[in-house]
């Protein structure tokens, strides 16, 4: 019984820690998108990319953005990698924390994405 209680406490603490980690720091994310000049392709408001094939990032789901950046960072080296040369070069240098912070910032921006018409 003691082991079950210990496991339950550990699991609850881990879930809280993972949620906090997934949240990221939007202020740090803002500095990172400026540092890496993400707006040069995705638009200064992240709603108006320079090419229609580039995604709108503002307001996008954070977990989707995280998955995309990790996939670009992974490239052809692993399962579910993405192979866009520009994004792969940008994402290779990002740490997990950088990705969490960037995606927290982008997720918090007002977006023009339409979920349903």
N, C-alpha and C. Protein backbone atom coordinates (compact mmCIF):
# COMPACT_ATOMS: atom_id res chain seq x y z
N UNK A 1 0.82 -1.19 0.00
CA UNK A 1 0.00 0.00 0.00
C UNK A 1 0.87 1.26 0.00
N UNK A 2 1.96 1.21 0.77
CA UNK A 2 2.86 2.36 0.84
C UNK A 2 3.48 2.65 -0.53
N UNK A 3 3.82 1.57 -1.27
CA UNK A 3 4.40 1.75 -2.61
C UNK A 3 3.41 2.38 -3.57
N UNK A 4 2.14 2.00 -3.46
CA UNK A 4 1.11 2.57 -4.34
C UNK A 4 0.94 4.06 -4.05
N UNK A 5 0.93 4.42 -2.76
CA UNK A 5 0.79 5.82 -2.39
C UNK A 5 1.99 6.63 -2.87
N UNK A 6 3.18 6.07 -2.69
CA UNK A 6 4.40 6.74 -3.16
C UNK A 6 4.34 6.94 -4.67
N UNK A 7 3.94 5.92 -5.39
CA UNK A 7 3.83 6.00 -6.85
C UNK A 7 2.81 7.06 -7.26
N UNK A 8 1.69 7.12 -6.58
CA UNK A 8 0.64 8.09 -6.90
C UNK A 8 1.14 9.52 -6.69
N UNK A 9 1.85 9.75 -5.60
CA UNK A 9 2.40 11.08 -5.32
C UNK A 9 3.43 11.45 -6.39
N UNK A 10 4.30 10.50 -6.74
CA UNK A 10 5.31 10.74 -7.78
C UNK A 10 4.65 11.04 -9.12
N UNK A 11 3.63 10.28 -9.47
CA UNK A 11 2.94 10.48 -10.75
C UNK A 11 2.27 11.85 -10.79
N UNK A 12 1.63 12.25 -9.70
CA UNK A 12 0.97 13.55 -9.66
C UNK A 12 1.98 14.68 -9.77
N UNK A 13 3.09 14.56 -9.06
CA UNK A 13 4.13 15.59 -9.12
C UNK A 13 4.74 15.66 -10.52
N UNK A 14 4.92 14.52 -11.15
CA UNK A 14 5.48 14.49 -12.50
C UNK A 14 4.53 15.15 -13.49
N UNK A 15 3.25 14.89 -13.35
CA UNK A 15 2.27 15.48 -14.26
C UNK A 15 2.27 17.00 -14.13
N UNK A 16 2.35 17.50 -12.92
CA UNK A 16 2.40 18.95 -12.71
C UNK A 16 3.67 19.51 -13.32
N UNK A 17 4.80 18.83 -13.11
CA UNK A 17 6.07 19.30 -13.66
C UNK A 17 6.05 19.30 -15.18
N UNK A 18 5.52 18.25 -15.79
CA UNK A 18 5.46 18.19 -17.25
C UNK A 18 4.56 19.28 -17.81
N UNK A 19 3.46 19.56 -17.12
CA UNK A 19 2.56 20.62 -17.59
C UNK A 19 3.27 21.97 -17.53
N UNK A 20 3.98 22.22 -16.45
CA UNK A 20 4.70 23.48 -16.32
C UNK A 20 5.79 23.58 -17.39
N UNK A 21 6.45 22.48 -17.65
CA UNK A 21 7.51 22.46 -18.65
C UNK A 21 6.92 22.70 -20.04
N UNK A 22 5.79 22.11 -20.33
CA UNK A 22 5.17 22.26 -21.65
C UNK A 22 4.68 23.68 -21.88
N UNK A 23 4.38 24.39 -20.80
CA UNK A 23 3.84 25.73 -20.93
C UNK A 23 4.84 26.69 -21.56
N UNK A 24 6.08 26.66 -21.13
CA UNK A 24 7.10 27.54 -21.69
C UNK A 24 6.97 28.96 -21.18
N UNK A 25 7.93 29.79 -21.53
CA UNK A 25 7.98 31.18 -21.11
C UNK A 25 7.81 32.06 -22.36
N UNK A 26 6.66 32.69 -22.46
CA UNK A 26 6.34 33.48 -23.65
C UNK A 26 7.29 34.66 -23.85
N UNK A 27 7.73 35.29 -22.76
CA UNK A 27 8.66 36.42 -22.89
C UNK A 27 9.98 35.97 -23.50
N UNK A 28 10.49 34.83 -23.04
CA UNK A 28 11.72 34.28 -23.63
C UNK A 28 11.47 33.90 -25.08
N UNK A 29 10.29 33.35 -25.35
CA UNK A 29 9.93 32.98 -26.72
C UNK A 29 9.92 34.17 -27.66
N UNK A 30 9.43 35.31 -27.18
CA UNK A 30 9.41 36.52 -27.99
C UNK A 30 10.84 36.93 -28.37
N UNK A 31 11.74 36.86 -27.41
CA UNK A 31 13.14 37.20 -27.69
C UNK A 31 13.75 36.23 -28.69
N UNK A 32 13.39 34.95 -28.59
CA UNK A 32 13.94 33.95 -29.50
C UNK A 32 13.43 34.13 -30.93
N UNK A 33 12.13 34.44 -31.10
CA UNK A 33 11.63 34.63 -32.47
C UNK A 33 12.24 35.87 -33.10
N UNK A 34 12.58 36.86 -32.27
CA UNK A 34 13.29 38.03 -32.78
C UNK A 34 14.73 37.67 -33.14
N UNK A 35 15.38 36.90 -32.27
CA UNK A 35 16.77 36.49 -32.51
C UNK A 35 16.90 35.69 -33.81
N UNK A 36 15.98 34.77 -34.04
CA UNK A 36 16.05 33.91 -35.22
C UNK A 36 15.30 34.48 -36.42
N UNK A 37 14.75 35.69 -36.28
CA UNK A 37 14.09 36.41 -37.36
C UNK A 37 12.99 35.60 -38.03
N UNK A 38 12.17 34.96 -37.22
CA UNK A 38 11.07 34.15 -37.74
C UNK A 38 10.09 34.97 -38.57
N UNK A 39 9.96 36.24 -38.24
CA UNK A 39 9.01 37.11 -38.96
C UNK A 39 9.41 37.33 -40.41
N UNK A 40 10.67 37.12 -40.75
CA UNK A 40 11.09 37.35 -42.13
C UNK A 40 10.35 36.43 -43.11
N UNK A 41 9.93 35.28 -42.65
CA UNK A 41 9.15 34.37 -43.51
C UNK A 41 7.68 34.30 -43.11
N UNK A 42 7.41 34.34 -41.80
CA UNK A 42 6.05 34.12 -41.31
C UNK A 42 5.27 35.41 -41.11
N UNK A 43 5.88 36.56 -41.41
CA UNK A 43 5.20 37.85 -41.28
C UNK A 43 5.37 38.45 -39.91
N UNK A 44 5.38 39.78 -39.86
CA UNK A 44 5.65 40.46 -38.59
C UNK A 44 4.59 40.17 -37.52
N UNK A 45 3.38 39.85 -37.94
CA UNK A 45 2.33 39.50 -36.98
C UNK A 45 2.13 37.98 -36.88
N UNK A 46 2.93 37.23 -37.60
CA UNK A 46 2.86 35.76 -37.67
C UNK A 46 1.52 35.26 -38.20
N UNK A 47 0.78 36.17 -38.86
CA UNK A 47 -0.49 35.85 -39.52
C UNK A 47 -0.41 36.08 -41.02
N UNK A 48 0.69 36.68 -41.48
CA UNK A 48 0.79 37.05 -42.89
C UNK A 48 2.16 36.63 -43.45
N UNK A 49 2.32 35.33 -43.70
CA UNK A 49 3.60 34.85 -44.23
C UNK A 49 3.88 35.43 -45.62
N UNK A 50 5.17 35.47 -45.98
CA UNK A 50 5.56 36.05 -47.27
C UNK A 50 5.19 35.15 -48.45
N UNK A 51 4.91 33.90 -48.17
CA UNK A 51 4.51 32.95 -49.22
C UNK A 51 3.28 32.21 -48.70
N UNK A 52 2.26 32.05 -49.52
CA UNK A 52 1.03 31.38 -49.05
C UNK A 52 1.24 29.94 -48.59
N UNK A 53 2.34 29.33 -49.00
CA UNK A 53 2.58 27.95 -48.58
C UNK A 53 3.20 27.88 -47.18
N UNK A 54 3.64 29.03 -46.64
CA UNK A 54 4.19 29.06 -45.29
C UNK A 54 3.04 29.17 -44.30
N UNK A 55 3.14 28.49 -43.17
CA UNK A 55 2.01 28.51 -42.23
C UNK A 55 1.87 29.80 -41.44
N UNK A 56 0.63 30.09 -41.08
CA UNK A 56 0.35 31.14 -40.10
C UNK A 56 0.62 30.53 -38.73
N UNK A 57 1.39 31.20 -37.91
CA UNK A 57 1.79 30.63 -36.63
C UNK A 57 1.03 31.21 -35.44
N UNK A 58 0.59 32.45 -35.54
CA UNK A 58 -0.07 33.11 -34.41
C UNK A 58 -1.34 32.38 -34.01
N UNK A 59 -1.44 32.09 -32.73
CA UNK A 59 -2.63 31.44 -32.20
C UNK A 59 -2.72 29.95 -32.45
N UNK A 60 -1.73 29.40 -33.13
CA UNK A 60 -1.74 27.96 -33.43
C UNK A 60 -1.60 27.17 -32.12
N UNK A 61 -2.10 25.95 -32.11
CA UNK A 61 -2.01 25.10 -30.93
C UNK A 61 -0.55 24.86 -30.57
N UNK A 62 -0.25 25.02 -29.29
CA UNK A 62 1.14 24.91 -28.85
C UNK A 62 1.71 23.52 -29.08
N UNK A 63 0.94 22.49 -28.82
CA UNK A 63 1.47 21.14 -29.01
C UNK A 63 1.77 20.85 -30.48
N UNK A 64 0.98 21.40 -31.38
CA UNK A 64 1.26 21.24 -32.81
C UNK A 64 2.56 21.94 -33.19
N UNK A 65 2.73 23.17 -32.71
CA UNK A 65 3.95 23.92 -33.01
C UNK A 65 5.18 23.20 -32.46
N UNK A 66 5.06 22.67 -31.25
CA UNK A 66 6.19 21.93 -30.66
C UNK A 66 6.53 20.71 -31.50
N UNK A 67 5.51 19.97 -31.90
CA UNK A 67 5.74 18.78 -32.72
C UNK A 67 6.41 19.16 -34.04
N UNK A 68 5.95 20.23 -34.65
CA UNK A 68 6.52 20.65 -35.93
C UNK A 68 7.99 21.04 -35.78
N UNK A 69 8.32 21.84 -34.78
CA UNK A 69 9.71 22.26 -34.59
C UNK A 69 10.62 21.08 -34.26
N UNK A 70 10.12 20.18 -33.43
CA UNK A 70 10.93 18.99 -33.11
C UNK A 70 11.13 18.14 -34.35
N UNK A 71 10.11 18.03 -35.18
CA UNK A 71 10.23 17.26 -36.42
C UNK A 71 11.22 17.90 -37.39
N UNK A 72 11.20 19.23 -37.48
CA UNK A 72 12.19 19.91 -38.32
C UNK A 72 13.60 19.72 -37.77
N UNK A 73 13.73 19.78 -36.46
CA UNK A 73 15.03 19.58 -35.83
C UNK A 73 15.54 18.17 -36.08
N UNK A 74 14.64 17.21 -36.05
CA UNK A 74 14.98 15.80 -36.27
C UNK A 74 15.37 15.55 -37.72
N UNK A 75 14.70 16.22 -38.65
CA UNK A 75 14.99 16.04 -40.07
C UNK A 75 14.81 14.60 -40.51
N UNK A 76 15.70 14.12 -41.33
CA UNK A 76 15.65 12.74 -41.83
C UNK A 76 16.24 11.74 -40.84
N UNK A 77 16.71 12.22 -39.70
CA UNK A 77 17.40 11.36 -38.75
C UNK A 77 16.47 10.51 -37.90
N UNK A 78 15.18 10.71 -37.99
CA UNK A 78 14.29 9.92 -37.14
C UNK A 78 12.89 9.87 -37.68
N UNK A 79 12.07 9.12 -36.97
CA UNK A 79 10.68 8.96 -37.35
C UNK A 79 9.95 10.30 -37.28
N UNK A 80 9.07 10.54 -38.21
CA UNK A 80 8.26 11.76 -38.29
C UNK A 80 9.07 13.03 -38.49
N UNK A 81 10.24 12.90 -39.10
CA UNK A 81 11.04 14.08 -39.37
C UNK A 81 10.48 14.86 -40.54
N UNK A 82 10.75 16.15 -40.54
CA UNK A 82 10.36 17.02 -41.65
C UNK A 82 11.63 17.50 -42.33
N UNK A 83 11.55 17.74 -43.64
CA UNK A 83 12.77 17.96 -44.40
C UNK A 83 12.87 19.32 -45.09
N UNK A 84 12.13 20.31 -44.69
CA UNK A 84 12.27 21.64 -45.27
C UNK A 84 13.65 22.19 -44.88
N UNK A 85 14.46 22.52 -45.87
CA UNK A 85 15.85 22.91 -45.62
C UNK A 85 15.96 24.17 -44.76
N UNK A 86 15.12 25.14 -44.99
CA UNK A 86 15.19 26.39 -44.21
C UNK A 86 14.81 26.12 -42.76
N UNK A 87 13.69 25.46 -42.56
CA UNK A 87 13.24 25.21 -41.19
C UNK A 87 14.16 24.23 -40.46
N UNK A 88 14.70 23.27 -41.16
CA UNK A 88 15.63 22.33 -40.52
C UNK A 88 16.85 23.08 -39.99
N UNK A 89 17.36 24.02 -40.80
CA UNK A 89 18.50 24.81 -40.36
C UNK A 89 18.18 25.68 -39.15
N UNK A 90 16.98 26.24 -39.14
CA UNK A 90 16.56 27.07 -38.01
C UNK A 90 16.36 26.22 -36.75
N UNK A 91 15.74 25.07 -36.90
CA UNK A 91 15.36 24.26 -35.74
C UNK A 91 16.52 23.46 -35.15
N UNK A 92 17.55 23.17 -35.93
CA UNK A 92 18.67 22.36 -35.44
C UNK A 92 19.30 22.92 -34.19
N UNK A 93 19.36 24.24 -34.07
CA UNK A 93 20.04 24.87 -32.94
C UNK A 93 19.15 25.05 -31.72
N UNK A 94 17.86 24.76 -31.85
CA UNK A 94 16.93 24.99 -30.75
C UNK A 94 16.99 23.88 -29.71
N UNK A 95 16.99 24.26 -28.45
CA UNK A 95 16.89 23.30 -27.36
C UNK A 95 15.41 23.01 -27.12
N UNK A 96 15.13 22.01 -26.30
CA UNK A 96 13.74 21.72 -25.95
C UNK A 96 13.11 22.93 -25.27
N UNK A 97 13.85 23.59 -24.40
CA UNK A 97 13.33 24.78 -23.70
C UNK A 97 13.06 25.90 -24.70
N UNK A 98 13.96 26.11 -25.66
CA UNK A 98 13.72 27.12 -26.69
C UNK A 98 12.41 26.85 -27.42
N UNK A 99 12.19 25.60 -27.78
CA UNK A 99 10.97 25.23 -28.49
C UNK A 99 9.74 25.48 -27.63
N UNK A 100 9.81 25.15 -26.37
CA UNK A 100 8.68 25.40 -25.47
C UNK A 100 8.40 26.89 -25.34
N UNK A 101 9.45 27.68 -25.23
CA UNK A 101 9.27 29.12 -25.09
C UNK A 101 8.73 29.76 -26.37
N UNK A 102 9.29 29.38 -27.50
CA UNK A 102 8.83 29.92 -28.79
C UNK A 102 7.37 29.57 -29.01
N UNK A 103 7.02 28.33 -28.77
CA UNK A 103 5.63 27.92 -29.02
C UNK A 103 4.66 28.54 -28.03
N UNK A 104 5.11 28.79 -26.80
CA UNK A 104 4.24 29.49 -25.83
C UNK A 104 3.95 30.91 -26.33
N UNK A 105 4.97 31.56 -26.86
CA UNK A 105 4.78 32.92 -27.39
C UNK A 105 3.84 32.92 -28.59
N UNK A 106 4.11 32.06 -29.56
CA UNK A 106 3.30 32.04 -30.77
C UNK A 106 1.86 31.64 -30.47
N UNK A 107 1.67 30.70 -29.60
CA UNK A 107 0.32 30.25 -29.23
C UNK A 107 -0.48 31.40 -28.60
N UNK A 108 0.20 32.25 -27.85
CA UNK A 108 -0.49 33.33 -27.16
C UNK A 108 -0.82 34.54 -28.02
N UNK A 109 -0.33 34.57 -29.24
CA UNK A 109 -0.62 35.70 -30.13
C UNK A 109 -2.03 35.57 -30.72
N UNK A 110 -2.66 36.71 -31.00
CA UNK A 110 -3.97 36.63 -31.66
C UNK A 110 -3.79 36.11 -33.08
N UNK A 111 -4.54 35.09 -33.40
CA UNK A 111 -4.39 34.46 -34.72
C UNK A 111 -5.60 34.70 -35.60
N UNK A 112 -5.40 34.43 -36.86
CA UNK A 112 -6.49 34.55 -37.83
C UNK A 112 -6.91 33.20 -38.38
N UNK A 113 -6.49 32.14 -37.70
CA UNK A 113 -6.84 30.80 -38.14
C UNK A 113 -8.34 30.57 -37.96
N UNK A 114 -8.94 29.89 -38.93
CA UNK A 114 -10.36 29.57 -38.87
C UNK A 114 -10.48 28.09 -38.58
N UNK A 115 -11.17 27.76 -37.50
CA UNK A 115 -11.33 26.36 -37.14
C UNK A 115 -12.52 25.72 -37.83
N UNK A 116 -13.57 26.50 -38.02
CA UNK A 116 -14.76 25.94 -38.66
C UNK A 116 -15.57 27.07 -39.26
N UNK A 117 -16.11 26.84 -40.44
CA UNK A 117 -16.95 27.87 -41.08
C UNK A 117 -18.38 27.43 -41.03
